[in-house]
């Protein structure tokens, strides 16, 4: 099952893009998003760079980074990590944690 399918089954509306640049463009055009879920390994800018840029431009947006390599060395506050492969239960927990962290900041 794809991540978009998992998100939709969890009751989320999801939009998928292929690059970090496309994600930033979409977030700039549509302010209705409450969370960014990104992979660490993206073409072009990395998921870590994307997450940092999203936190700078959209500080209220929760951020979750999925990685098959574990957590990255320098972690920013407010970023939730999820290890791949993950189940829909793992994803739901990561989303909940990220949303709580974003609300607290």
PDB file of N, CA and C in Angstrom:
ATOM      1  N   UNK A   1       0.850  -1.166   0.000  1.00  0.00           N
ATOM      2  CA  UNK A   1       0.000   0.000   0.000  1.00  0.00           C
ATOM      3  C   UNK A   1       0.905   1.240   0.000  1.00  0.00           C
ATOM      4  N   UNK A   2       0.568   2.224  -0.814  1.00  0.00           N
ATOM      5  CA  UNK A   2       1.375   3.437  -0.870  1.00  0.00           C
ATOM      6  C   UNK A   2       1.102   4.314   0.347  1.00  0.00           C
ATOM      7  N   UNK A   3       1.992   5.227   0.593  1.00  0.00           N
ATOM      8  CA  UNK A   3       1.832   6.145   1.713  1.00  0.00           C
ATOM      9  C   UNK A   3       0.583   6.998   1.533  1.00  0.00           C
ATOM     10  N   UNK A   4       0.311   7.442   0.318  1.00  0.00           N
ATOM     11  CA  UNK A   4      -0.905   8.232   0.073  1.00  0.00           C
ATOM     12  C   UNK A   4      -2.135   7.411   0.437  1.00  0.00           C
ATOM     13  N   UNK A   5      -2.149   6.131   0.062  1.00  0.00           N
ATOM     14  CA  UNK A   5      -3.272   5.259   0.423  1.00  0.00           C
ATOM     15  C   UNK A   5      -3.405   5.153   1.941  1.00  0.00           C
ATOM     16  N   UNK A   6      -2.274   4.964   2.621  1.00  0.00           N
ATOM     17  CA  UNK A   6      -2.310   4.876   4.092  1.00  0.00           C
ATOM     18  C   UNK A   6      -2.866   6.157   4.698  1.00  0.00           C
ATOM     19  N   UNK A   7      -2.404   7.294   4.202  1.00  0.00           N
ATOM     20  CA  UNK A   7      -2.876   8.580   4.728  1.00  0.00           C
ATOM     21  C   UNK A   7      -4.375   8.731   4.526  1.00  0.00           C
ATOM     22  N   UNK A   8      -4.848   8.380   3.346  1.00  0.00           N
ATOM     23  CA  UNK A   8      -6.277   8.498   3.063  1.00  0.00           C
ATOM     24  C   UNK A   8      -7.094   7.560   3.931  1.00  0.00           C
ATOM     25  N   UNK A   9      -6.578   6.357   4.192  1.00  0.00           N
ATOM     26  CA  UNK A   9      -7.284   5.424   5.083  1.00  0.00           C
ATOM     27  C   UNK A   9      -7.315   5.929   6.524  1.00  0.00           C
ATOM     28  N   UNK A  10      -6.345   6.786   6.871  1.00  0.00           N
ATOM     29  CA  UNK A  10      -6.318   7.385   8.203  1.00  0.00           C
ATOM     30  C   UNK A  10      -7.183   8.647   8.274  1.00  0.00           C
ATOM     31  N   UNK A  11      -7.847   8.974   7.168  1.00  0.00           N
ATOM     32  CA  UNK A  11      -8.748  10.120   7.152  1.00  0.00           C
ATOM     33  C   UNK A  11      -8.090  11.427   6.747  1.00  0.00           C
ATOM     34  N   UNK A  12      -6.890  11.360   6.212  1.00  0.00           N
ATOM     35  CA  UNK A  12      -6.165  12.559   5.788  1.00  0.00           C
ATOM     36  C   UNK A  12      -6.417  12.828   4.310  1.00  0.00           C
ATOM     37  N   UNK A  13      -6.376  14.091   3.941  1.00  0.00           N
ATOM     38  CA  UNK A  13      -6.307  14.467   2.533  1.00  0.00           C
ATOM     39  C   UNK A  13      -4.834  14.581   2.218  1.00  0.00           C
ATOM     40  N   UNK A  14      -4.409  14.033   1.103  1.00  0.00           N
ATOM     41  CA  UNK A  14      -2.986  14.015   0.780  1.00  0.00           C
ATOM     42  C   UNK A  14      -2.761  14.468  -0.652  1.00  0.00           C
ATOM     43  N   UNK A  15      -1.631  15.124  -0.851  1.00  0.00           N
ATOM     44  CA  UNK A  15      -1.175  15.500  -2.182  1.00  0.00           C
ATOM     45  C   UNK A  15       0.247  14.996  -2.315  1.00  0.00           C
ATOM     46  N   UNK A  16       0.552  14.340  -3.406  1.00  0.00           N
ATOM     47  CA  UNK A  16       1.885  13.789  -3.619  1.00  0.00           C
ATOM     48  C   UNK A  16       2.610  14.586  -4.701  1.00  0.00           C
ATOM     49  N   UNK A  17       3.872  14.880  -4.435  1.00  0.00           N
ATOM     50  CA  UNK A  17       4.736  15.535  -5.412  1.00  0.00           C
ATOM     51  C   UNK A  17       6.042  14.755  -5.474  1.00  0.00           C
ATOM     52  N   UNK A  18       6.842  15.021  -6.488  1.00  0.00           N
ATOM     53  CA  UNK A  18       8.049  14.232  -6.703  1.00  0.00           C
ATOM     54  C   UNK A  18       9.336  14.829  -6.176  1.00  0.00           C
ATOM     55  N   UNK A  19       9.348  16.147  -5.897  1.00  0.00           N
ATOM     56  CA  UNK A  19      10.584  16.786  -5.458  1.00  0.00           C
ATOM     57  C   UNK A  19      10.299  17.762  -4.316  1.00  0.00           C
ATOM     58  N   UNK A  20      11.345  18.141  -3.631  1.00  0.00           N
ATOM     59  CA  UNK A  20      11.216  19.140  -2.577  1.00  0.00           C
ATOM     60  C   UNK A  20      10.775  20.483  -3.119  1.00  0.00           C
ATOM     61  N   UNK A  21      11.284  20.830  -4.282  1.00  0.00           N
ATOM     62  CA  UNK A  21      10.901  22.099  -4.902  1.00  0.00           C
ATOM     63  C   UNK A  21       9.405  22.132  -5.197  1.00  0.00           C
ATOM     64  N   UNK A  22       8.874  21.009  -5.689  1.00  0.00           N
ATOM     65  CA  UNK A  22       7.435  20.933  -5.961  1.00  0.00           C
ATOM     66  C   UNK A  22       6.633  21.034  -4.666  1.00  0.00           C
ATOM     67  N   UNK A  23       7.138  20.441  -3.598  1.00  0.00           N
ATOM     68  CA  UNK A  23       6.456  20.520  -2.305  1.00  0.00           C
ATOM     69  C   UNK A  23       6.391  21.966  -1.828  1.00  0.00           C
ATOM     70  N   UNK A  24       7.502  22.692  -1.917  1.00  0.00           N
ATOM     71  CA  UNK A  24       7.513  24.096  -1.493  1.00  0.00           C
ATOM     72  C   UNK A  24       6.564  24.939  -2.334  1.00  0.00           C
ATOM     73  N   UNK A  25       6.531  24.668  -3.632  1.00  0.00           N
ATOM     74  CA  UNK A  25       5.622  25.402  -4.520  1.00  0.00           C
ATOM     75  C   UNK A  25       4.165  25.134  -4.134  1.00  0.00           C
ATOM     76  N   UNK A  26       3.830  23.881  -3.895  1.00  0.00           N
ATOM     77  CA  UNK A  26       2.460  23.526  -3.510  1.00  0.00           C
ATOM     78  C   UNK A  26       2.081  24.160  -2.169  1.00  0.00           C
ATOM     79  N   UNK A  27       2.979  24.094  -1.203  1.00  0.00           N
ATOM     80  CA  UNK A  27       2.700  24.687   0.106  1.00  0.00           C
ATOM     81  C   UNK A  27       2.534  26.199   0.019  1.00  0.00           C
ATOM     82  N   UNK A  28       3.255  26.834  -0.885  1.00  0.00           N
ATOM     83  CA  UNK A  28       3.132  28.288  -1.064  1.00  0.00           C
ATOM     84  C   UNK A  28       1.789  28.666  -1.678  1.00  0.00           C
ATOM     85  N   UNK A  29       1.280  27.799  -2.549  1.00  0.00           N
ATOM     86  CA  UNK A  29       0.015  28.078  -3.231  1.00  0.00           C
ATOM     87  C   UNK A  29      -1.203  27.694  -2.394  1.00  0.00           C
ATOM     88  N   UNK A  30      -1.069  26.681  -1.554  1.00  0.00           N
ATOM     89  CA  UNK A  30      -2.211  26.138  -0.809  1.00  0.00           C
ATOM     90  C   UNK A  30      -1.865  26.094   0.673  1.00  0.00           C
ATOM     91  N   UNK A  31      -2.440  26.997   1.430  1.00  0.00           N
ATOM     92  CA  UNK A  31      -2.139  27.118   2.859  1.00  0.00           C
ATOM     93  C   UNK A  31      -2.983  26.189   3.727  1.00  0.00           C
ATOM     94  N   UNK A  32      -3.704  25.240   3.121  1.00  0.00           N
ATOM     95  CA  UNK A  32      -4.586  24.369   3.898  1.00  0.00           C
ATOM     96  C   UNK A  32      -3.867  23.161   4.505  1.00  0.00           C
ATOM     97  N   UNK A  33      -2.615  22.946   4.160  1.00  0.00           N
ATOM     98  CA  UNK A  33      -1.886  21.785   4.684  1.00  0.00           C
ATOM     99  C   UNK A  33      -1.513  21.994   6.146  1.00  0.00           C
ATOM    100  N   UNK A  34      -1.571  20.919   6.911  1.00  0.00           N
ATOM    101  CA  UNK A  34      -1.192  20.995   8.320  1.00  0.00           C
ATOM    102  C   UNK A  34       0.054  20.167   8.617  1.00  0.00           C
ATOM    103  N   UNK A  35       0.526  19.389   7.627  1.00  0.00           N
ATOM    104  CA  UNK A  35       1.663  18.512   7.872  1.00  0.00           C
ATOM    105  C   UNK A  35       2.394  18.219   6.573  1.00  0.00           C
ATOM    106  N   UNK A  36       3.717  18.119   6.673  1.00  0.00           N
ATOM    107  CA  UNK A  36       4.551  17.668   5.570  1.00  0.00           C
ATOM    108  C   UNK A  36       5.123  16.316   5.950  1.00  0.00           C
ATOM    109  N   UNK A  37       4.914  15.330   5.103  1.00  0.00           N
ATOM    110  CA  UNK A  37       5.528  14.017   5.239  1.00  0.00           C
ATOM    111  C   UNK A  37       6.459  13.868   4.055  1.00  0.00           C
ATOM    112  N   UNK A  38       7.742  13.726   4.325  1.00  0.00           N
ATOM    113  CA  UNK A  38       8.721  13.638   3.249  1.00  0.00           C
ATOM    114  C   UNK A  38       9.667  12.477   3.476  1.00  0.00           C
ATOM    115  N   UNK A  39      10.223  12.001   2.399  1.00  0.00           N
ATOM    116  CA  UNK A  39      11.267  10.994   2.471  1.00  0.00           C
ATOM    117  C   UNK A  39      12.596  11.715   2.655  1.00  0.00           C
ATOM    118  N   UNK A  40      13.532  11.079   3.305  1.00  0.00           N
ATOM    119  CA  UNK A  40      14.851  11.679   3.479  1.00  0.00           C
ATOM    120  C   UNK A  40      15.562  11.806   2.136  1.00  0.00           C
ATOM    121  N   UNK A  41      15.466  10.776   1.295  1.00  0.00           N
ATOM    122  CA  UNK A  41      16.160  10.778   0.012  1.00  0.00           C
ATOM    123  C   UNK A  41      15.256  11.243  -1.111  1.00  0.00           C
ATOM    124  N   UNK A  42      15.337  12.513  -1.448  1.00  0.00           N
ATOM    125  CA  UNK A  42      14.548  13.079  -2.544  1.00  0.00           C
ATOM    126  C   UNK A  42      15.483  13.470  -3.680  1.00  0.00           C
ATOM    127  N   UNK A  43      14.985  13.499  -4.920  1.00  0.00           N
ATOM    128  CA  UNK A  43      15.806  14.047  -5.997  1.00  0.00           C
ATOM    129  C   UNK A  43      15.963  15.556  -5.786  1.00  0.00           C
ATOM    130  N   UNK A  44      17.142  16.068  -6.041  1.00  0.00           N
ATOM    131  CA  UNK A  44      17.370  17.499  -5.819  1.00  0.00           C
ATOM    132  C   UNK A  44      17.693  17.748  -4.361  1.00  0.00           C
ATOM    133  N   UNK A  45      16.869  18.522  -3.688  1.00  0.00           N
ATOM    134  CA  UNK A  45      17.106  18.799  -2.266  1.00  0.00           C
ATOM    135  C   UNK A  45      16.701  17.603  -1.418  1.00  0.00           C
ATOM    136  N   UNK A  46      17.443  17.363  -0.357  1.00  0.00           N
ATOM    137  CA  UNK A  46      17.130  16.230   0.520  1.00  0.00           C
ATOM    138  C   UNK A  46      15.891  16.533   1.362  1.00  0.00           C
ATOM    139  N   UNK A  47      15.320  15.499   1.926  1.00  0.00           N
ATOM    140  CA  UNK A  47      14.180  15.682   2.818  1.00  0.00           C
ATOM    141  C   UNK A  47      14.536  16.509   4.038  1.00  0.00           C
ATOM    142  N   UNK A  48      15.774  16.401   4.497  1.00  0.00           N
ATOM    143  CA  UNK A  48      16.228  17.192   5.648  1.00  0.00           C
ATOM    144  C   UNK A  48      16.274  18.680   5.302  1.00  0.00           C
ATOM    145  N   UNK A  49      16.775  19.002   4.115  1.00  0.00           N
ATOM    146  CA  UNK A  49      16.816  20.401   3.669  1.00  0.00           C
ATOM    147  C   UNK A  49      15.393  20.916   3.459  1.00  0.00           C
ATOM    148  N   UNK A  50      14.541  20.097   2.858  1.00  0.00           N
ATOM    149  CA  UNK A  50      13.139  20.477   2.670  1.00  0.00           C
ATOM    150  C   UNK A  50      12.476  20.755   4.012  1.00  0.00           C
ATOM    151  N   UNK A  51      12.678  19.879   4.982  1.00  0.00           N
ATOM    152  CA  UNK A  51      12.068  20.062   6.299  1.00  0.00           C
ATOM    153  C   UNK A  51      12.527  21.360   6.941  1.00  0.00           C
ATOM    154  N   UNK A  52      13.813  21.672   6.844  1.00  0.00           N
ATOM    155  CA  UNK A  52      14.335  22.916   7.420  1.00  0.00           C
ATOM    156  C   UNK A  52      13.726  24.131   6.735  1.00  0.00           C
ATOM    157  N   UNK A  53      13.579  24.064   5.417  1.00  0.00           N
ATOM    158  CA  UNK A  53      12.986  25.180   4.672  1.00  0.00           C
ATOM    159  C   UNK A  53      11.509  25.332   4.999  1.00  0.00           C
ATOM    160  N   UNK A  54      10.808  24.225   5.144  1.00  0.00           N
ATOM    161  CA  UNK A  54       9.391  24.273   5.515  1.00  0.00           C
ATOM    162  C   UNK A  54       9.248  24.878   6.911  1.00  0.00           C
ATOM    163  N   UNK A  55      10.111  24.486   7.836  1.00  0.00           N
ATOM    164  CA  UNK A  55      10.041  25.056   9.184  1.00  0.00           C
ATOM    165  C   UNK A  55      10.314  26.558   9.157  1.00  0.00           C
ATOM    166  N   UNK A  56      11.196  26.998   8.281  1.00  0.00           N
ATOM    167  CA  UNK A  56      11.500  28.428   8.178  1.00  0.00           C
ATOM    168  C   UNK A  56      10.323  29.198   7.573  1.00  0.00           C
ATOM    169  N   UNK A  57       9.763  28.680   6.486  1.00  0.00           N
ATOM    170  CA  UNK A  57       8.683  29.382   5.774  1.00  0.00           C
ATOM    171  C   UNK A  57       7.311  29.187   6.405  1.00  0.00           C
ATOM    172  N   UNK A  58       7.072  28.005   6.953  1.00  0.00           N
ATOM    173  CA  UNK A  58       5.746  27.642   7.472  1.00  0.00           C
ATOM    174  C   UNK A  58       5.909  27.064   8.882  1.00  0.00           C
ATOM    175  N   UNK A  59       6.247  27.882   9.855  1.00  0.00           N
ATOM    176  CA  UNK A  59       6.596  27.364  11.191  1.00  0.00           C
ATOM    177  C   UNK A  59       5.479  26.589  11.890  1.00  0.00           C
ATOM    178  N   UNK A  60       4.241  26.780  11.513  1.00  0.00           N
ATOM    179  CA  UNK A  60       3.135  26.056  12.160  1.00  0.00           C
ATOM    180  C   UNK A  60       2.916  24.669  11.561  1.00  0.00           C
ATOM    181  N   UNK A  61       3.598  24.356  10.475  1.00  0.00           N
ATOM    182  CA  UNK A  61       3.396  23.086   9.779  1.00  0.00           C
ATOM    183  C   UNK A  61       4.186  21.971  10.467  1.00  0.00           C
ATOM    184  N   UNK A  62       3.511  20.900  10.813  1.00  0.00           N
ATOM    185  CA  UNK A  62       4.168  19.732  11.392  1.00  0.00           C
ATOM    186  C   UNK A  62       4.982  19.036  10.297  1.00  0.00           C
ATOM    187  N   UNK A  63       6.101  18.415  10.691  1.00  0.00           N
ATOM    188  CA  UNK A  63       6.988  17.770   9.722  1.00  0.00           C
ATOM    189  C   UNK A  63       7.338  16.363  10.191  1.00  0.00           C
ATOM    190  N   UNK A  64       7.192  15.395   9.267  1.00  0.00           N
ATOM    191  CA  UNK A  64       7.604  14.011   9.508  1.00  0.00           C
ATOM    192  C   UNK A  64       8.533  13.613   8.366  1.00  0.00           C
ATOM    193  N   UNK A  65       9.697  13.048   8.728  1.00  0.00           N
ATOM    194  CA  UNK A  65      10.646  12.554   7.730  1.00  0.00           C
ATOM    195  C   UNK A  65      10.704  11.037   7.830  1.00  0.00           C
ATOM    196  N   UNK A  66      10.489  10.387   6.703  1.00  0.00           N
ATOM    197  CA  UNK A  66      10.612   8.924   6.630  1.00  0.00           C
ATOM    198  C   UNK A  66      11.999   8.588   6.097  1.00  0.00           C
ATOM    199  N   UNK A  67      12.633   7.607   6.717  1.00  0.00           N
ATOM    200  CA  UNK A  67      13.974   7.230   6.293  1.00  0.00           C
ATOM    201  C   UNK A  67      14.230   5.754   6.517  1.00  0.00           C
ATOM    202  N   UNK A  68      14.852   5.144   5.551  1.00  0.00           N
ATOM    203  CA  UNK A  68      15.307   3.774   5.697  1.00  0.00           C
ATOM    204  C   UNK A  68      16.682   3.709   6.337  1.00  0.00           C
ATOM    205  N   UNK A  69      17.268   4.869   6.605  1.00  0.00           N
ATOM    206  CA  UNK A  69      18.614   4.953   7.166  1.00  0.00           C
ATOM    207  C   UNK A  69      18.611   5.327   8.640  1.00  0.00           C
ATOM    208  N   UNK A  70      17.453   5.431   9.264  1.00  0.00           N
ATOM    209  CA  UNK A  70      17.379   5.879  10.655  1.00  0.00           C
ATOM    210  C   UNK A  70      17.356   7.390  10.718  1.00  0.00           C
ATOM    211  N   UNK A  71      17.543   7.908  11.903  1.00  0.00           N
ATOM    212  CA  UNK A  71      17.480   9.358  12.095  1.00  0.00           C
ATOM    213  C   UNK A  71      18.743  10.028  11.591  1.00  0.00           C
ATOM    214  N   UNK A  72      18.575  11.244  11.119  1.00  0.00           N
ATOM    215  CA  UNK A  72      19.717  12.021  10.645  1.00  0.00           C
ATOM    216  C   UNK A  72      20.483  12.592  11.835  1.00  0.00           C
ATOM    217  N   UNK A  73      21.749  12.913  11.621  1.00  0.00           N
ATOM    218  CA  UNK A  73      22.607  13.374  12.702  1.00  0.00           C
ATOM    219  C   UNK A  73      22.102  14.602  13.432  1.00  0.00           C
ATOM    220  N   UNK A  74      21.852  15.686  12.732  1.00  0.00           N
ATOM    221  CA  UNK A  74      21.406  16.915  13.401  1.00  0.00           C
ATOM    222  C   UNK A  74      19.901  17.031  13.250  1.00  0.00           C
ATOM    223  N   UNK A  75      19.188  16.835  14.343  1.00  0.00           N
ATOM    224  CA  UNK A  75      17.730  16.873  14.304  1.00  0.00           C
ATOM    225  C   UNK A  75      17.237  18.215  14.806  1.00  0.00           C
ATOM    226  N   UNK A  76      16.273  18.765  14.130  1.00  0.00           N
ATOM    227  CA  UNK A  76      15.664  20.012  14.562  1.00  0.00           C
ATOM    228  C   UNK A  76      14.477  19.699  15.451  1.00  0.00           C
ATOM    229  N   UNK A  77      14.195  20.612  16.345  1.00  0.00           N
ATOM    230  CA  UNK A  77      12.988  20.460  17.154  1.00  0.00           C
ATOM    231  C   UNK A  77      11.774  20.507  16.242  1.00  0.00           C
ATOM    232  N   UNK A  78      10.780  19.722  16.588  1.00  0.00           N
ATOM    233  CA  UNK A  78       9.542  19.740  15.834  1.00  0.00           C
ATOM    234  C   UNK A  78       9.508  18.802  14.655  1.00  0.00           C
ATOM    235  N   UNK A  79      10.589  18.094  14.378  1.00  0.00           N
ATOM    236  CA  UNK A  79      10.591  17.139  13.278  1.00  0.00           C
ATOM    237  C   UNK A  79      10.477  15.741  13.852  1.00  0.00           C
ATOM    238  N   UNK A  80       9.496  15.010  13.374  1.00  0.00           N
ATOM    239  CA  UNK A  80       9.282  13.620  13.785  1.00  0.00           C
ATOM    240  C   UNK A  80       9.884  12.725  12.714  1.00  0.00           C
ATOM    241  N   UNK A  81      10.574  11.673  13.131  1.00  0.00           N
ATOM    242  CA  UNK A  81      11.152  10.713  12.196  1.00  0.00           C
ATOM    243  C   UNK A  81      10.387   9.403  12.282  1.00  0.00           C
ATOM    244  N   UNK A  82      10.273   8.737  11.139  1.00  0.00           N
ATOM    245  CA  UNK A  82       9.662   7.416  11.085  1.00  0.00           C
ATOM    246  C   UNK A  82      10.567   6.541  10.225  1.00  0.00           C
ATOM    247  N   UNK A  83      10.871   5.355  10.724  1.00  0.00           N
ATOM    248  CA  UNK A  83      11.757   4.443   9.994  1.00  0.00           C
ATOM    249  C   UNK A  83      10.971   3.616   8.996  1.00  0.00           C
ATOM    250  N   UNK A  84      11.559   3.445   7.807  1.00  0.00           N
ATOM    251  CA  UNK A  84      10.954   2.598   6.784  1.00  0.00           C
ATOM    252  C   UNK A  84      11.511   1.194   6.927  1.00  0.00           C
ATOM    253  N   UNK A  85      10.743   0.205   6.634  1.00  0.00           N
ATOM    254  CA  UNK A  85       9.328   0.251   6.255  1.00  0.00           C
ATOM    255  C   UNK A  85       8.465   0.505   7.490  1.00  0.00           C
ATOM    256  N   UNK A  86       7.322   1.131   7.274  1.00  0.00           N
ATOM    257  CA  UNK A  86       6.421   1.430   8.379  1.00  0.00           C
ATOM    258  C   UNK A  86       5.011   0.978   8.041  1.00  0.00           C
ATOM    259  N   UNK A  87       4.269   0.693   9.095  1.00  0.00           N
ATOM    260  CA  UNK A  87       2.872   0.278   8.944  1.00  0.00           C
ATOM    261  C   UNK A  87       1.977   1.510   9.064  1.00  0.00           C
ATOM    262  N   UNK A  88       0.713   1.334   8.798  1.00  0.00           N
ATOM    263  CA  UNK A  88      -0.222   2.453   8.959  1.00  0.00           C
ATOM    264  C   UNK A  88      -0.332   2.856  10.426  1.00  0.00           C
ATOM    265  N   UNK A  89      -0.164   1.909  11.346  1.00  0.00           N
ATOM    266  CA  UNK A  89      -0.176   2.230  12.784  1.00  0.00           C
ATOM    267  C   UNK A  89       1.037   3.092  13.124  1.00  0.00           C
ATOM    268  N   UNK A  90       2.218   2.717  12.606  1.00  0.00           N
ATOM    269  CA  UNK A  90       3.425   3.523  12.826  1.00  0.00           C
ATOM    270  C   UNK A  90       3.238   4.926  12.263  1.00  0.00           C
ATOM    271  N   UNK A  91       2.667   5.013  11.071  1.00  0.00           N
ATOM    272  CA  UNK A  91       2.450   6.301  10.425  1.00  0.00           C
ATOM    273  C   UNK A  91       1.486   7.155  11.242  1.00  0.00           C
ATOM    274  N   UNK A  92       0.404   6.543  11.692  1.00  0.00           N
ATOM    275  CA  UNK A  92      -0.569   7.287  12.496  1.00  0.00           C
ATOM    276  C   UNK A  92       0.071   7.841  13.769  1.00  0.00           C
ATOM    277  N   UNK A  93       0.898   7.042  14.426  1.00  0.00           N
ATOM    278  CA  UNK A  93       1.576   7.500  15.642  1.00  0.00           C
ATOM    279  C   UNK A  93       2.529   8.654  15.336  1.00  0.00           C
ATOM    280  N   UNK A  94       3.263   8.567  14.243  1.00  0.00           N
ATOM    281  CA  UNK A  94       4.186   9.639  13.866  1.00  0.00           C
ATOM    282  C   UNK A  94       3.436  10.926  13.545  1.00  0.00           C
ATOM    283  N   UNK A  95       2.313  10.810  12.845  1.00  0.00           N
ATOM    284  CA  UNK A  95       1.501  11.981  12.515  1.00  0.00           C
ATOM    285  C   UNK A  95       0.943  12.625  13.779  1.00  0.00           C
ATOM    286  N   UNK A  96       0.433  11.805  14.687  1.00  0.00           N
ATOM    287  CA  UNK A  96      -0.113  12.319  15.939  1.00  0.00           C
ATOM    288  C   UNK A  96       0.964  13.038  16.749  1.00  0.00           C
ATOM    289  N   UNK A  97       2.134  12.435  16.847  1.00  0.00           N
ATOM    290  CA  UNK A  97       3.223  13.033  17.612  1.00  0.00           C
ATOM    291  C   UNK A  97       3.655  14.357  16.978  1.00  0.00           C
ATOM    292  N   UNK A  98       3.785  14.374  15.662  1.00  0.00           N
ATOM    293  CA  UNK A  98       4.190  15.595  14.963  1.00  0.00           C
ATOM    294  C   UNK A  98       3.158  16.699  15.115  1.00  0.00           C
ATOM    295  N   UNK A  99       1.887  16.354  15.061  1.00  0.00           N
ATOM    296  CA  UNK A  99       0.824  17.346  15.222  1.00  0.00           C
ATOM    297  C   UNK A  99       0.833  17.928  16.622  1.00  0.00           C
ATOM    298  N   UNK A 100       1.049  17.067  17.628  1.00  0.00           N
ATOM    299  CA  UNK A 100       1.115  17.560  19.024  1.00  0.00           C
ATOM    300  C   UNK A 100       2.322  18.473  19.211  1.00  0.00           C
ATOM    301  N   UNK A 101       3.457  18.091  18.635  1.00  0.00           N
ATOM    302  CA  UNK A 101       4.670  18.893  18.759  1.00  0.00           C
ATOM    303  C   UNK A 101       4.498  20.254  18.084  1.00  0.00           C
ATOM    304  N   UNK A 102       3.865  20.268  16.913  1.00  0.00           N
ATOM    305  CA  UNK A 102       3.640  21.526  16.196  1.00  0.00           C
ATOM    306  C   UNK A 102       2.671  22.422  16.961  1.00  0.00           C
ATOM    307  N   UNK A 103       1.658  21.825  17.572  1.00  0.00           N
ATOM    308  CA  UNK A 103       0.685  22.607  18.346  1.00  0.00           C
ATOM    309  C   UNK A 103       1.304  23.203  19.595  1.00  0.00           C
ATOM    310  N   UNK A 104       2.278  22.499  20.163  1.00  0.00           N
ATOM    311  CA  UNK A 104       2.922  22.967  21.393  1.00  0.00           C
ATOM    312  C   UNK A 104       3.906  24.103  21.133  1.00  0.00           C
ATOM    313  N   UNK A 105       4.385  24.211  19.890  1.00  0.00           N
ATOM    314  CA  UNK A 105       5.391  25.257  19.610  1.00  0.00           C
ATOM    315  C   UNK A 105       4.793  26.554  19.140  1.00  0.00           C
TER     316      UNK A 105
END
